[in-house]
Amino acid sequence: MQPMIRTFVLTDLKCLMCGATAGSIERERGSSTPCVAVERAGSVRSIVAWETSGLRCQRCGGSVYVDQVEIVDRRTEPLEWEDEGPRRGRPPKWLVEQRRRKRDREPSSER
């Protein structure tokens, strides 16, 4: 299977009044949806892009601005446990169960 590469635009939000980092915004580049992910104080939520003008600093309530913009490529490779050769030791229980279910689904003529 081919790895999937997705490009994201990441921005930092800074406060105009106190200079504190107020959070960050993340959006997939080329996405047709107007939603962005906003991370503030460790929690992530999704909002519509035009609602970002209403964001305020959680520390002092001041306006925020975009300080730094980064374009990041994220590579995701699908994991295929069955493609790997045998490994040492006892296989995990979930893998034994998965193999058992797969074996039970196969036609009985092959056994």
N, C-alpha and C. Protein backbone atom coordinates (compact mmCIF):
# COMPACT_ATOMS: atom_id res chain seq x y z
N MET A 1 0.84 -1.18 0.00
CA MET A 1 0.00 0.00 0.00
C MET A 1 0.89 1.24 0.00
N GLN A 2 0.42 2.25 -0.67
CA GLN A 2 1.18 3.49 -0.78
C GLN A 2 0.97 4.37 0.46
N PRO A 3 2.01 5.06 0.89
CA PRO A 3 1.83 6.00 2.00
C PRO A 3 1.01 7.20 1.53
N MET A 4 0.26 7.79 2.47
CA MET A 4 -0.56 8.95 2.16
C MET A 4 0.13 10.19 2.73
N ILE A 5 0.36 11.18 1.87
CA ILE A 5 1.01 12.41 2.30
C ILE A 5 -0.02 13.53 2.23
N ARG A 6 -0.24 14.18 3.37
CA ARG A 6 -1.19 15.29 3.45
C ARG A 6 -0.43 16.54 3.88
N THR A 7 -0.79 17.68 3.31
CA THR A 7 -0.13 18.94 3.60
C THR A 7 -1.05 19.80 4.47
N PHE A 8 -0.49 20.32 5.56
CA PHE A 8 -1.24 21.15 6.50
C PHE A 8 -0.58 22.52 6.62
N VAL A 9 -1.41 23.53 6.89
CA VAL A 9 -0.93 24.87 7.20
C VAL A 9 -1.12 25.07 8.70
N LEU A 10 -0.03 25.34 9.42
CA LEU A 10 -0.06 25.55 10.86
C LEU A 10 0.30 27.00 11.16
N THR A 11 -0.47 27.63 12.03
CA THR A 11 -0.18 29.01 12.41
C THR A 11 -0.22 29.14 13.92
N ASP A 12 0.62 30.02 14.45
CA ASP A 12 0.60 30.34 15.87
C ASP A 12 -0.20 31.61 16.07
N LEU A 13 -0.98 31.68 17.14
CA LEU A 13 -1.74 32.87 17.49
C LEU A 13 -1.08 33.56 18.67
N LYS A 14 -0.83 34.85 18.53
CA LYS A 14 -0.24 35.65 19.61
C LYS A 14 -1.19 36.77 20.00
N CYS A 15 -1.12 37.18 21.25
CA CYS A 15 -1.96 38.26 21.76
C CYS A 15 -1.31 39.61 21.47
N LEU A 16 -2.10 40.56 21.01
CA LEU A 16 -1.59 41.91 20.76
C LEU A 16 -1.28 42.67 22.05
N MET A 17 -2.03 42.39 23.11
CA MET A 17 -1.86 43.17 24.34
C MET A 17 -0.76 42.62 25.24
N CYS A 18 -0.75 41.31 25.51
CA CYS A 18 0.22 40.78 26.47
C CYS A 18 1.34 39.99 25.80
N GLY A 19 1.22 39.66 24.52
CA GLY A 19 2.27 38.95 23.80
C GLY A 19 2.33 37.46 24.06
N ALA A 20 1.38 36.93 24.81
CA ALA A 20 1.37 35.51 25.12
C ALA A 20 0.90 34.71 23.91
N THR A 21 1.32 33.46 23.84
CA THR A 21 0.84 32.57 22.80
C THR A 21 -0.58 32.16 23.17
N ALA A 22 -1.53 32.47 22.28
CA ALA A 22 -2.94 32.24 22.58
C ALA A 22 -3.46 30.94 21.98
N GLY A 23 -2.64 30.24 21.21
CA GLY A 23 -3.08 28.98 20.63
C GLY A 23 -2.49 28.79 19.25
N SER A 24 -3.07 27.87 18.50
CA SER A 24 -2.61 27.61 17.14
C SER A 24 -3.79 27.17 16.28
N ILE A 25 -3.66 27.38 14.98
CA ILE A 25 -4.69 26.99 14.02
C ILE A 25 -4.06 26.02 13.04
N GLU A 26 -4.83 25.00 12.67
CA GLU A 26 -4.35 23.99 11.72
C GLU A 26 -5.45 23.75 10.68
N ARG A 27 -5.03 23.69 9.41
CA ARG A 27 -5.98 23.44 8.33
C ARG A 27 -5.28 22.64 7.25
N GLU A 28 -6.00 21.68 6.68
CA GLU A 28 -5.42 20.91 5.59
C GLU A 28 -5.41 21.77 4.33
N ARG A 29 -4.26 21.79 3.68
CA ARG A 29 -4.10 22.62 2.49
C ARG A 29 -4.89 22.00 1.34
N GLY A 30 -5.63 22.83 0.63
CA GLY A 30 -6.42 22.36 -0.49
C GLY A 30 -7.76 21.75 -0.09
N SER A 31 -8.10 21.84 1.18
CA SER A 31 -9.36 21.28 1.66
C SER A 31 -10.53 22.14 1.20
N SER A 32 -11.62 21.50 0.82
CA SER A 32 -12.78 22.24 0.35
C SER A 32 -13.68 22.68 1.50
N THR A 33 -13.48 22.12 2.70
CA THR A 33 -14.31 22.51 3.84
C THR A 33 -13.73 23.76 4.49
N PRO A 34 -14.59 24.65 4.96
CA PRO A 34 -14.10 25.89 5.56
C PRO A 34 -13.74 25.75 7.04
N CYS A 35 -13.60 24.52 7.55
CA CYS A 35 -13.31 24.32 8.97
C CYS A 35 -11.81 24.32 9.24
N VAL A 36 -11.45 24.84 10.41
CA VAL A 36 -10.08 24.81 10.88
C VAL A 36 -10.08 24.22 12.29
N ALA A 37 -8.96 23.64 12.68
CA ALA A 37 -8.81 23.11 14.03
C ALA A 37 -8.06 24.14 14.87
N VAL A 38 -8.63 24.52 15.99
CA VAL A 38 -8.03 25.50 16.88
C VAL A 38 -7.62 24.80 18.17
N GLU A 39 -6.34 24.92 18.53
CA GLU A 39 -5.85 24.34 19.77
C GLU A 39 -5.56 25.46 20.74
N ARG A 40 -6.22 25.40 21.89
CA ARG A 40 -6.03 26.40 22.93
C ARG A 40 -6.02 25.72 24.27
N ALA A 41 -4.99 25.95 25.03
CA ALA A 41 -4.85 25.41 26.39
C ALA A 41 -5.01 23.89 26.43
N GLY A 42 -4.45 23.22 25.43
CA GLY A 42 -4.45 21.77 25.42
C GLY A 42 -5.69 21.12 24.85
N SER A 43 -6.72 21.88 24.54
CA SER A 43 -7.93 21.29 23.96
C SER A 43 -8.03 21.71 22.49
N VAL A 44 -8.55 20.80 21.68
CA VAL A 44 -8.67 21.06 20.24
C VAL A 44 -10.14 21.07 19.89
N ARG A 45 -10.55 22.05 19.11
CA ARG A 45 -11.93 22.09 18.62
C ARG A 45 -11.92 22.57 17.18
N SER A 46 -12.98 22.29 16.49
CA SER A 46 -13.09 22.66 15.08
C SER A 46 -14.11 23.79 14.95
N ILE A 47 -13.71 24.84 14.24
CA ILE A 47 -14.61 25.97 14.00
C ILE A 47 -14.55 26.34 12.53
N VAL A 48 -15.52 27.13 12.09
CA VAL A 48 -15.54 27.62 10.72
C VAL A 48 -14.51 28.75 10.61
N ALA A 49 -13.85 28.84 9.46
CA ALA A 49 -12.71 29.74 9.29
C ALA A 49 -13.04 31.20 9.60
N TRP A 50 -14.23 31.66 9.25
CA TRP A 50 -14.53 33.08 9.48
C TRP A 50 -14.84 33.39 10.94
N GLU A 51 -14.98 32.37 11.78
CA GLU A 51 -15.17 32.60 13.21
C GLU A 51 -13.85 32.87 13.93
N THR A 52 -12.72 32.70 13.24
CA THR A 52 -11.43 32.93 13.87
C THR A 52 -11.22 34.40 14.20
N SER A 53 -11.94 35.32 13.55
CA SER A 53 -11.80 36.74 13.86
C SER A 53 -12.32 37.07 15.26
N GLY A 54 -13.14 36.20 15.83
CA GLY A 54 -13.67 36.43 17.17
C GLY A 54 -12.84 35.80 18.28
N LEU A 55 -11.71 35.19 17.95
CA LEU A 55 -10.87 34.59 18.98
C LEU A 55 -10.20 35.66 19.83
N ARG A 56 -10.12 35.41 21.12
CA ARG A 56 -9.50 36.35 22.06
C ARG A 56 -8.47 35.61 22.90
N CYS A 57 -7.56 36.34 23.47
CA CYS A 57 -6.56 35.78 24.38
C CYS A 57 -7.27 35.32 25.65
N GLN A 58 -6.96 34.10 26.09
CA GLN A 58 -7.59 33.58 27.30
C GLN A 58 -6.98 34.21 28.56
N ARG A 59 -5.83 34.78 28.41
CA ARG A 59 -5.13 35.37 29.56
C ARG A 59 -5.63 36.77 29.89
N CYS A 60 -5.71 37.63 28.84
CA CYS A 60 -6.09 39.02 29.12
C CYS A 60 -7.30 39.50 28.33
N GLY A 61 -7.79 38.69 27.37
CA GLY A 61 -8.96 39.08 26.58
C GLY A 61 -8.64 39.94 25.38
N GLY A 62 -7.36 40.12 25.07
CA GLY A 62 -6.96 40.94 23.93
C GLY A 62 -7.14 40.23 22.59
N SER A 63 -7.02 41.00 21.53
CA SER A 63 -7.12 40.44 20.18
C SER A 63 -5.90 39.60 19.87
N VAL A 64 -6.07 38.63 18.99
CA VAL A 64 -4.96 37.76 18.61
C VAL A 64 -4.64 37.97 17.13
N TYR A 65 -3.39 37.70 16.78
CA TYR A 65 -2.96 37.79 15.39
C TYR A 65 -2.12 36.57 15.05
N VAL A 66 -1.99 36.31 13.75
CA VAL A 66 -1.20 35.18 13.28
C VAL A 66 0.26 35.58 13.31
N ASP A 67 1.06 34.83 14.06
CA ASP A 67 2.46 35.18 14.24
C ASP A 67 3.38 34.43 13.29
N GLN A 68 3.22 33.14 13.15
CA GLN A 68 4.12 32.34 12.35
C GLN A 68 3.31 31.32 11.57
N VAL A 69 3.62 31.18 10.28
CA VAL A 69 2.92 30.23 9.42
C VAL A 69 3.91 29.17 8.95
N GLU A 70 3.53 27.91 9.09
CA GLU A 70 4.35 26.80 8.63
C GLU A 70 3.52 25.90 7.73
N ILE A 71 4.15 25.37 6.70
CA ILE A 71 3.51 24.37 5.85
C ILE A 71 4.21 23.05 6.15
N VAL A 72 3.42 22.06 6.60
CA VAL A 72 3.97 20.80 7.07
C VAL A 72 3.36 19.66 6.27
N ASP A 73 4.21 18.75 5.81
CA ASP A 73 3.76 17.52 5.15
C ASP A 73 3.74 16.41 6.19
N ARG A 74 2.62 15.69 6.28
CA ARG A 74 2.51 14.56 7.20
C ARG A 74 2.32 13.29 6.38
N ARG A 75 3.21 12.36 6.63
CA ARG A 75 3.19 11.09 5.90
C ARG A 75 2.58 10.02 6.80
N THR A 76 1.56 9.35 6.29
CA THR A 76 0.89 8.29 7.02
C THR A 76 1.04 7.01 6.23
N GLU A 77 1.67 6.02 6.84
CA GLU A 77 1.84 4.74 6.17
C GLU A 77 0.89 3.73 6.79
N PRO A 78 0.11 3.03 5.96
CA PRO A 78 -0.79 2.02 6.50
C PRO A 78 -0.01 0.84 7.06
N LEU A 79 -0.46 0.34 8.18
CA LEU A 79 0.19 -0.80 8.82
C LEU A 79 -0.44 -2.09 8.33
N GLU A 80 0.37 -2.97 7.88
CA GLU A 80 -0.10 -4.29 7.46
C GLU A 80 0.64 -5.33 8.27
N TRP A 81 0.00 -5.83 9.32
CA TRP A 81 0.63 -6.80 10.19
C TRP A 81 0.84 -8.14 9.49
N GLU A 82 -0.02 -8.45 8.55
CA GLU A 82 0.08 -9.73 7.88
C GLU A 82 1.24 -9.79 6.90
N ASP A 83 1.72 -8.65 6.43
CA ASP A 83 2.83 -8.63 5.48
C ASP A 83 4.16 -8.94 6.16
N GLU A 84 4.24 -8.73 7.45
CA GLU A 84 5.48 -8.98 8.16
C GLU A 84 5.69 -10.48 8.33
N GLY A 85 6.92 -10.87 8.39
CA GLY A 85 7.23 -12.28 8.62
C GLY A 85 6.99 -12.64 10.07
N PRO A 86 7.20 -13.91 10.40
CA PRO A 86 6.99 -14.33 11.79
C PRO A 86 7.98 -13.65 12.73
N ARG A 87 7.52 -13.32 13.92
CA ARG A 87 8.37 -12.68 14.91
C ARG A 87 8.57 -13.63 16.08
N ARG A 88 9.55 -13.32 16.88
CA ARG A 88 9.84 -14.16 18.04
C ARG A 88 8.80 -13.94 19.12
N GLY A 89 8.57 -15.00 19.90
CA GLY A 89 7.67 -14.88 21.04
C GLY A 89 6.22 -15.16 20.69
N ARG A 90 5.41 -15.08 21.70
CA ARG A 90 3.98 -15.35 21.55
C ARG A 90 3.31 -14.14 20.90
N PRO A 91 2.43 -14.37 19.91
CA PRO A 91 1.74 -13.24 19.29
C PRO A 91 0.71 -12.65 20.26
N PRO A 92 0.38 -11.37 20.10
CA PRO A 92 -0.61 -10.77 20.98
C PRO A 92 -1.98 -11.43 20.80
N LYS A 93 -2.81 -11.34 21.83
CA LYS A 93 -4.12 -11.99 21.81
C LYS A 93 -5.00 -11.46 20.68
N TRP A 94 -4.94 -10.15 20.44
CA TRP A 94 -5.78 -9.58 19.40
C TRP A 94 -5.39 -10.12 18.02
N LEU A 95 -4.09 -10.38 17.80
CA LEU A 95 -3.65 -10.91 16.52
C LEU A 95 -4.06 -12.37 16.37
N VAL A 96 -3.99 -13.15 17.44
CA VAL A 96 -4.43 -14.55 17.40
C VAL A 96 -5.92 -14.61 17.07
N GLU A 97 -6.71 -13.74 17.71
CA GLU A 97 -8.15 -13.70 17.47
C GLU A 97 -8.45 -13.28 16.03
N GLN A 98 -7.71 -12.31 15.53
CA GLN A 98 -7.90 -11.85 14.15
C GLN A 98 -7.58 -12.98 13.16
N ARG A 99 -6.50 -13.68 13.38
CA ARG A 99 -6.15 -14.80 12.51
C ARG A 99 -7.18 -15.91 12.58
N ARG A 100 -7.71 -16.19 13.79
CA ARG A 100 -8.73 -17.22 13.95
C ARG A 100 -10.00 -16.87 13.18
N ARG A 101 -10.44 -15.59 13.28
CA ARG A 101 -11.63 -15.16 12.54
C ARG A 101 -11.43 -15.25 11.04
N LYS A 102 -10.24 -14.88 10.59
CA LYS A 102 -9.94 -14.95 9.16
C LYS A 102 -9.94 -16.40 8.68
N ARG A 103 -9.38 -17.29 9.48
CA ARG A 103 -9.33 -18.71 9.13
C ARG A 103 -10.74 -19.30 9.10
N ASP A 104 -11.62 -18.86 10.01
CA ASP A 104 -13.00 -19.38 10.06
C ASP A 104 -13.83 -18.90 8.87
N ARG A 105 -13.50 -17.75 8.31
CA ARG A 105 -14.24 -17.23 7.16
C ARG A 105 -13.87 -17.93 5.87
N GLU A 106 -12.69 -18.52 5.79
CA GLU A 106 -12.24 -19.18 4.57
C GLU A 106 -13.08 -20.42 4.31
N PRO A 107 -13.28 -20.79 3.03
CA PRO A 107 -14.04 -22.01 2.73
C PRO A 107 -13.35 -23.23 3.31
N SER A 108 -14.16 -24.21 3.72
CA SER A 108 -13.62 -25.41 4.38
C SER A 108 -12.89 -26.33 3.41
N SER A 109 -13.03 -26.13 2.10
CA SER A 109 -12.37 -27.00 1.12
C SER A 109 -10.86 -26.80 1.10
N GLU A 110 -10.38 -25.67 1.56
CA GLU A 110 -8.95 -25.39 1.54
C GLU A 110 -8.23 -26.03 2.72
N ARG A 111 -8.93 -26.44 3.74
CA ARG A 111 -8.30 -27.00 4.94
C ARG A 111 -7.79 -28.37 4.74
